[in-house]
Amino acid sequence: NIIEKVTAHKLQTRALDEAAMGNVVAATQKLRAAATRLLDMGETELAQTALREAERLERGGQMSAAGTKKLRYETRKLTQKLDDVPEVNG
């Protein structure tokens, strides 16, 4: 679903912003919400990354560089796939 992909991307983007500002609670909530959406879409590996990063934040207050990079670029890739879908005129 297009809306779920965009929502997951926005949630993780906001989570990364919250984490950068030191808002751990807000960041973990958004990461967990993104993980739920990703699981619903069948993006299991990406969802697990989001959950791991949420746990990392809760434990130490920081996300890993690798996890951050994966979330940022892989969720963006989900939304970029939408550009490849031909429009239906009708």
Protein backbone atom coordinates (compact mmCIF):
# COMPACT_ATOMS: atom_id res chain seq x y z
CA ASN A 1 0.00 0.00 0.00
CA ILE A 2 1.40 3.35 -1.06
CA ILE A 3 0.16 5.19 2.01
CA GLU A 4 1.77 2.67 4.38
CA LYS A 5 5.13 3.01 2.62
CA VAL A 6 5.06 6.79 2.83
CA THR A 7 3.89 6.65 6.45
CA ALA A 8 6.67 4.23 7.42
CA HIS A 9 9.23 6.49 5.76
CA LYS A 10 7.89 9.60 7.51
CA LEU A 11 7.78 7.85 10.89
CA GLN A 12 11.37 6.69 10.71
CA THR A 13 12.52 10.09 9.43
CA ARG A 14 10.81 11.80 12.36
CA ALA A 15 12.25 9.19 14.71
CA LEU A 16 15.77 9.96 13.50
CA ASP A 17 15.11 13.67 13.98
CA GLU A 18 13.77 13.07 17.49
CA ALA A 19 16.79 10.93 18.35
CA ALA A 20 19.14 13.62 17.08
CA MET A 21 17.43 16.13 19.38
CA GLY A 22 17.72 13.76 22.33
CA ASN A 23 14.00 12.95 22.54
CA VAL A 24 14.47 9.24 23.19
CA VAL A 25 10.86 8.47 24.17
CA ALA A 26 9.39 10.10 21.06
CA ALA A 27 12.03 8.51 18.84
CA THR A 28 11.43 5.00 20.17
CA GLN A 29 7.65 5.38 19.83
CA LYS A 30 8.03 6.41 16.19
CA LEU A 31 10.52 3.63 15.46
CA ARG A 32 8.16 1.04 16.92
CA ALA A 33 5.24 2.46 14.93
CA ALA A 34 7.36 2.36 11.77
CA ALA A 35 8.33 -1.24 12.56
CA THR A 36 4.67 -2.22 12.84
CA ARG A 37 3.90 -0.68 9.46
CA LEU A 38 6.95 -2.31 7.90
CA LEU A 39 5.91 -5.71 9.26
CA ASP A 40 2.43 -5.21 7.84
CA MET A 41 4.03 -4.60 4.43
CA GLY A 42 6.19 -7.71 4.68
CA GLU A 43 9.43 -5.74 5.21
CA THR A 44 10.52 -8.00 8.07
CA GLU A 45 14.24 -7.25 8.01
CA LEU A 46 13.70 -3.50 7.98
CA ALA A 47 11.12 -3.79 10.77
CA GLN A 48 13.61 -5.75 12.88
CA THR A 49 16.21 -3.05 12.30
CA ALA A 50 13.76 -0.40 13.51
CA LEU A 51 12.99 -2.43 16.64
CA ARG A 52 16.68 -3.04 17.36
CA GLU A 53 17.41 0.66 17.03
CA ALA A 54 14.51 1.50 19.36
CA GLU A 55 15.97 -0.88 21.95
CA ARG A 56 19.42 0.64 21.45
CA LEU A 57 18.00 4.10 22.06
CA GLU A 58 16.25 2.97 25.23
CA ARG A 59 19.39 1.34 26.59
CA GLY A 60 22.04 3.83 25.64
CA GLY A 61 20.38 6.89 24.19
CA GLN A 62 21.94 6.44 20.75
CA MET A 63 21.23 4.59 17.55
CA SER A 64 23.94 2.75 15.64
CA ALA A 65 25.37 4.36 12.53
CA ALA A 66 24.64 1.24 10.48
CA GLY A 67 21.05 0.99 11.71
CA THR A 68 20.42 4.67 11.09
CA LYS A 69 21.81 4.43 7.58
CA LYS A 70 19.81 1.32 6.76
CA LEU A 71 16.55 2.82 7.99
CA ARG A 72 17.12 6.12 6.23
CA TYR A 73 17.99 4.68 2.83
CA GLU A 74 15.92 1.49 2.76
CA THR A 75 12.67 3.22 3.72
CA ARG A 76 13.42 5.95 1.19
CA LYS A 77 13.93 3.22 -1.39
CA LEU A 78 10.43 1.92 -0.61
CA THR A 79 8.94 5.27 -1.54
CA GLN A 80 11.15 5.65 -4.62
CA LYS A 81 9.73 2.41 -5.98
CA LEU A 82 6.46 4.29 -6.21
CA ASP A 83 7.93 6.50 -8.94
CA ASP A 84 8.35 3.41 -11.12
CA VAL A 85 4.65 2.53 -10.99
CA PRO A 86 2.88 3.65 -14.17
CA GLU A 87 -0.11 5.90 -13.71
CA VAL A 88 -3.51 4.52 -14.61
CA ASN A 89 -5.67 6.86 -16.62
CA GLY A 90 -9.28 6.32 -16.19
